[in-house]
Amino acid sequence: FIEFHPYLGLCRFRDCRHRNEPGCALLDAVEAGKIHPERFASYRRILDSLNPQ
């Protein structure tokens, strides 16, 4: 997900899971229209398939 690169390391918390944490740079970028919501959803599906909870 090359479009995520500018936001890596910018989350408020080092262990951010990019779900609903305050200060998540990826979520902020999605909300600002800088990352397409479907791309972010695809990313989340991949992570969820690797780490089912």
PDB file of N, CA and C in Angstrom:
ATOM      1  N   PHE A   1       0.839  -1.173   0.000  1.00  0.00           N
ATOM      2  CA  PHE A   1       0.000   0.000   0.000  1.00  0.00           C
ATOM      3  C   PHE A   1       0.890   1.245   0.000  1.00  0.00           C
ATOM      4  N   ILE A   2       1.399   1.536  -1.170  1.00  0.00           N
ATOM      5  CA  ILE A   2       2.376   2.608  -1.333  1.00  0.00           C
ATOM      6  C   ILE A   2       1.851   3.963  -0.864  1.00  0.00           C
ATOM      7  N   GLU A   3       0.556   4.181  -0.997  1.00  0.00           N
ATOM      8  CA  GLU A   3      -0.001   5.473  -0.595  1.00  0.00           C
ATOM      9  C   GLU A   3      -0.016   5.660   0.921  1.00  0.00           C
ATOM     10  N   PHE A   4       0.242   4.603   1.671  1.00  0.00           N
ATOM     11  CA  PHE A   4       0.312   4.705   3.134  1.00  0.00           C
ATOM     12  C   PHE A   4       1.679   5.219   3.600  1.00  0.00           C
ATOM     13  N   HIS A   5       2.671   5.101   2.748  1.00  0.00           N
ATOM     14  CA  HIS A   5       4.054   5.401   3.131  1.00  0.00           C
ATOM     15  C   HIS A   5       4.245   6.767   3.798  1.00  0.00           C
ATOM     16  N   PRO A   6       3.650   7.851   3.279  1.00  0.00           N
ATOM     17  CA  PRO A   6       3.876   9.157   3.921  1.00  0.00           C
ATOM     18  C   PRO A   6       3.367   9.240   5.363  1.00  0.00           C
ATOM     19  N   TYR A   7       2.506   8.309   5.758  1.00  0.00           N
ATOM     20  CA  TYR A   7       1.883   8.371   7.080  1.00  0.00           C
ATOM     21  C   TYR A   7       2.502   7.408   8.094  1.00  0.00           C
ATOM     22  N   LEU A   8       3.401   6.561   7.629  1.00  0.00           N
ATOM     23  CA  LEU A   8       4.025   5.596   8.528  1.00  0.00           C
ATOM     24  C   LEU A   8       4.870   6.314   9.566  1.00  0.00           C
ATOM     25  N   GLY A   9       4.698   5.929  10.804  1.00  0.00           N
ATOM     26  CA  GLY A   9       5.449   6.527  11.891  1.00  0.00           C
ATOM     27  C   GLY A   9       4.870   7.827  12.423  1.00  0.00           C
ATOM     28  N   LEU A  10       3.733   8.263  11.882  1.00  0.00           N
ATOM     29  CA  LEU A  10       3.139   9.528  12.306  1.00  0.00           C
ATOM     30  C   LEU A  10       1.993   9.367  13.303  1.00  0.00           C
ATOM     31  N   CYS A  11       1.621   8.143  13.614  1.00  0.00           N
ATOM     32  CA  CYS A  11       0.543   7.918  14.580  1.00  0.00           C
ATOM     33  C   CYS A  11       0.998   8.356  15.970  1.00  0.00           C
ATOM     34  N   ARG A  12       0.064   8.787  16.779  1.00  0.00           N
ATOM     35  CA  ARG A  12       0.377   9.252  18.139  1.00  0.00           C
ATOM     36  C   ARG A  12       1.017   8.143  18.966  1.00  0.00           C
ATOM     37  N   PHE A  13       0.523   6.906  18.801  1.00  0.00           N
ATOM     38  CA  PHE A  13       1.026   5.790  19.593  1.00  0.00           C
ATOM     39  C   PHE A  13       1.858   4.859  18.722  1.00  0.00           C
ATOM     40  N   ARG A  14       3.004   4.432  19.238  1.00  0.00           N
ATOM     41  CA  ARG A  14       3.899   3.554  18.472  1.00  0.00           C
ATOM     42  C   ARG A  14       3.258   2.220  18.156  1.00  0.00           C
ATOM     43  N   ASP A  15       2.363   1.742  19.014  1.00  0.00           N
ATOM     44  CA  ASP A  15       1.722   0.444  18.792  1.00  0.00           C
ATOM     45  C   ASP A  15       0.341   0.584  18.157  1.00  0.00           C
ATOM     46  N   CYS A  16       0.121   1.653  17.415  1.00  0.00           N
ATOM     47  CA  CYS A  16      -1.177   1.909  16.779  1.00  0.00           C
ATOM     48  C   CYS A  16      -1.558   0.736  15.880  1.00  0.00           C
ATOM     49  N   ARG A  17      -2.790   0.277  16.025  1.00  0.00           N
ATOM     50  CA  ARG A  17      -3.294  -0.831  15.203  1.00  0.00           C
ATOM     51  C   ARG A  17      -4.139  -0.331  14.041  1.00  0.00           C
ATOM     52  N   HIS A  18      -4.283   0.964  13.925  1.00  0.00           N
ATOM     53  CA  HIS A  18      -5.005   1.600  12.820  1.00  0.00           C
ATOM     54  C   HIS A  18      -6.462   1.141  12.756  1.00  0.00           C
ATOM     55  N   ARG A  19      -7.081   1.051  13.924  1.00  0.00           N
ATOM     56  CA  ARG A  19      -8.496   0.677  13.993  1.00  0.00           C
ATOM     57  C   ARG A  19      -9.339   1.867  14.423  1.00  0.00           C
ATOM     58  N   ASN A  20      -9.145   2.319  15.648  1.00  0.00           N
ATOM     59  CA  ASN A  20      -9.931   3.458  16.139  1.00  0.00           C
ATOM     60  C   ASN A  20      -9.159   4.269  17.171  1.00  0.00           C
ATOM     61  N   GLU A  21      -7.849   4.111  17.189  1.00  0.00           N
ATOM     62  CA  GLU A  21      -7.025   4.831  18.148  1.00  0.00           C
ATOM     63  C   GLU A  21      -7.014   6.328  17.823  1.00  0.00           C
ATOM     64  N   PRO A  22      -7.043   7.160  18.861  1.00  0.00           N
ATOM     65  CA  PRO A  22      -6.923   8.601  18.611  1.00  0.00           C
ATOM     66  C   PRO A  22      -5.522   8.920  18.092  1.00  0.00           C
ATOM     67  N   GLY A  23      -5.459   9.817  17.144  1.00  0.00           N
ATOM     68  CA  GLY A  23      -4.159  10.212  16.612  1.00  0.00           C
ATOM     69  C   GLY A  23      -3.592   9.269  15.573  1.00  0.00           C
ATOM     70  N   CYS A  24      -4.406   8.376  15.036  1.00  0.00           N
ATOM     71  CA  CYS A  24      -3.938   7.456  13.990  1.00  0.00           C
ATOM     72  C   CYS A  24      -3.794   8.228  12.675  1.00  0.00           C
ATOM     73  N   ALA A  25      -2.587   8.286  12.170  1.00  0.00           N
ATOM     74  CA  ALA A  25      -2.319   9.036  10.945  1.00  0.00           C
ATOM     75  C   ALA A  25      -3.028   8.428   9.737  1.00  0.00           C
ATOM     76  N   LEU A  26      -3.144   7.105   9.687  1.00  0.00           N
ATOM     77  CA  LEU A  26      -3.829   6.479   8.558  1.00  0.00           C
ATOM     78  C   LEU A  26      -5.319   6.788   8.576  1.00  0.00           C
ATOM     79  N   LEU A  27      -5.947   6.676   9.738  1.00  0.00           N
ATOM     80  CA  LEU A  27      -7.367   7.002   9.829  1.00  0.00           C
ATOM     81  C   LEU A  27      -7.613   8.470   9.504  1.00  0.00           C
ATOM     82  N   ASP A  28      -6.733   9.338   9.973  1.00  0.00           N
ATOM     83  CA  ASP A  28      -6.858  10.765   9.658  1.00  0.00           C
ATOM     84  C   ASP A  28      -6.751  10.995   8.154  1.00  0.00           C
ATOM     85  N   ALA A  29      -5.838  10.286   7.490  1.00  0.00           N
ATOM     86  CA  ALA A  29      -5.665  10.431   6.045  1.00  0.00           C
ATOM     87  C   ALA A  29      -6.892   9.928   5.289  1.00  0.00           C
ATOM     88  N   VAL A  30      -7.494   8.847   5.762  1.00  0.00           N
ATOM     89  CA  VAL A  30      -8.725   8.346   5.138  1.00  0.00           C
ATOM     90  C   VAL A  30      -9.827   9.390   5.288  1.00  0.00           C
ATOM     91  N   GLU A  31      -9.993   9.917   6.483  1.00  0.00           N
ATOM     92  CA  GLU A  31     -11.032  10.921   6.734  1.00  0.00           C
ATOM     93  C   GLU A  31     -10.806  12.196   5.923  1.00  0.00           C
ATOM     94  N   ALA A  32      -9.555  12.537   5.664  1.00  0.00           N
ATOM     95  CA  ALA A  32      -9.226  13.740   4.894  1.00  0.00           C
ATOM     96  C   ALA A  32      -9.293  13.504   3.386  1.00  0.00           C
ATOM     97  N   GLY A  33      -9.579  12.256   2.965  1.00  0.00           N
ATOM     98  CA  GLY A  33      -9.668  11.947   1.550  1.00  0.00           C
ATOM     99  C   GLY A  33      -8.324  11.722   0.878  1.00  0.00           C
ATOM    100  N   LYS A  34      -7.278  11.541   1.650  1.00  0.00           N
ATOM    101  CA  LYS A  34      -5.945  11.327   1.088  1.00  0.00           C
ATOM    102  C   LYS A  34      -5.665   9.857   0.806  1.00  0.00           C
ATOM    103  N   ILE A  35      -6.392   8.981   1.477  1.00  0.00           N
ATOM    104  CA  ILE A  35      -6.337   7.538   1.227  1.00  0.00           C
ATOM    105  C   ILE A  35      -7.766   7.097   0.958  1.00  0.00           C
ATOM    106  N   HIS A  36      -7.956   6.364  -0.131  1.00  0.00           N
ATOM    107  CA  HIS A  36      -9.303   5.907  -0.482  1.00  0.00           C
ATOM    108  C   HIS A  36      -9.794   4.907   0.563  1.00  0.00           C
ATOM    109  N   PRO A  37     -11.022   5.067   1.033  1.00  0.00           N
ATOM    110  CA  PRO A  37     -11.550   4.167   2.069  1.00  0.00           C
ATOM    111  C   PRO A  37     -11.510   2.691   1.688  1.00  0.00           C
ATOM    112  N   GLU A  38     -11.713   2.381   0.414  1.00  0.00           N
ATOM    113  CA  GLU A  38     -11.680   0.974  -0.003  1.00  0.00           C
ATOM    114  C   GLU A  38     -10.272   0.394   0.084  1.00  0.00           C
ATOM    115  N   ARG A  39      -9.267   1.197  -0.195  1.00  0.00           N
ATOM    116  CA  ARG A  39      -7.884   0.728  -0.053  1.00  0.00           C
ATOM    117  C   ARG A  39      -7.581   0.442   1.412  1.00  0.00           C
ATOM    118  N   PHE A  40      -8.037   1.331   2.284  1.00  0.00           N
ATOM    119  CA  PHE A  40      -7.820   1.121   3.710  1.00  0.00           C
ATOM    120  C   PHE A  40      -8.577  -0.118   4.179  1.00  0.00           C
ATOM    121  N   ALA A  41      -9.796  -0.316   3.682  1.00  0.00           N
ATOM    122  CA  ALA A  41     -10.579  -1.499   4.047  1.00  0.00           C
ATOM    123  C   ALA A  41      -9.870  -2.776   3.584  1.00  0.00           C
ATOM    124  N   SER A  42      -9.268  -2.745   2.410  1.00  0.00           N
ATOM    125  CA  SER A  42      -8.510  -3.904   1.922  1.00  0.00           C
ATOM    126  C   SER A  42      -7.331  -4.203   2.836  1.00  0.00           C
ATOM    127  N   TYR A  43      -6.646  -3.168   3.250  1.00  0.00           N
ATOM    128  CA  TYR A  43      -5.528  -3.312   4.184  1.00  0.00           C
ATOM    129  C   TYR A  43      -5.997  -3.960   5.481  1.00  0.00           C
ATOM    130  N   ARG A  44      -7.110  -3.482   6.024  1.00  0.00           N
ATOM    131  CA  ARG A  44      -7.648  -4.030   7.272  1.00  0.00           C
ATOM    132  C   ARG A  44      -8.041  -5.501   7.098  1.00  0.00           C
ATOM    133  N   ARG A  45      -8.641  -5.851   5.961  1.00  0.00           N
ATOM    134  CA  ARG A  45      -9.028  -7.254   5.723  1.00  0.00           C
ATOM    135  C   ARG A  45      -7.801  -8.161   5.698  1.00  0.00           C
ATOM    136  N   ILE A  46      -6.734  -7.701   5.068  1.00  0.00           N
ATOM    137  CA  ILE A  46      -5.503  -8.495   5.023  1.00  0.00           C
ATOM    138  C   ILE A  46      -4.955  -8.689   6.429  1.00  0.00           C
ATOM    139  N   LEU A  47      -4.862  -7.611   7.199  1.00  0.00           N
ATOM    140  CA  LEU A  47      -4.366  -7.734   8.576  1.00  0.00           C
ATOM    141  C   LEU A  47      -5.250  -8.649   9.412  1.00  0.00           C
ATOM    142  N   ASP A  48      -6.558  -8.502   9.270  1.00  0.00           N
ATOM    143  CA  ASP A  48      -7.479  -9.340  10.038  1.00  0.00           C
ATOM    144  C   ASP A  48      -7.327 -10.818   9.681  1.00  0.00           C
ATOM    145  N   SER A  49      -7.049 -11.111   8.407  1.00  0.00           N
ATOM    146  CA  SER A  49      -6.881 -12.508   8.005  1.00  0.00           C
ATOM    147  C   SER A  49      -5.581 -13.095   8.568  1.00  0.00           C
ATOM    148  N   LEU A  50      -4.588 -12.243   8.796  1.00  0.00           N
ATOM    149  CA  LEU A  50      -3.314 -12.702   9.350  1.00  0.00           C
ATOM    150  C   LEU A  50      -3.350 -12.828  10.866  1.00  0.00           C
ATOM    151  N   ASN A  51      -4.164 -12.002  11.508  1.00  0.00           N
ATOM    152  CA  ASN A  51      -4.263 -11.970  12.969  1.00  0.00           C
ATOM    153  C   ASN A  51      -5.718 -11.980  13.407  1.00  0.00           C
ATOM    154  N   PRO A  52      -6.413 -13.101  13.233  1.00  0.00           N
ATOM    155  CA  PRO A  52      -7.815 -13.124  13.667  1.00  0.00           C
ATOM    156  C   PRO A  52      -7.909 -12.923  15.175  1.00  0.00           C
ATOM    157  N   GLN A  53      -8.933 -12.191  15.593  1.00  0.00           N
ATOM    158  CA  GLN A  53      -9.080 -11.907  17.026  1.00  0.00           C
ATOM    159  C   GLN A  53     -10.187 -12.697  17.627  1.00  0.00           C
TER     160      GLN A  53
END
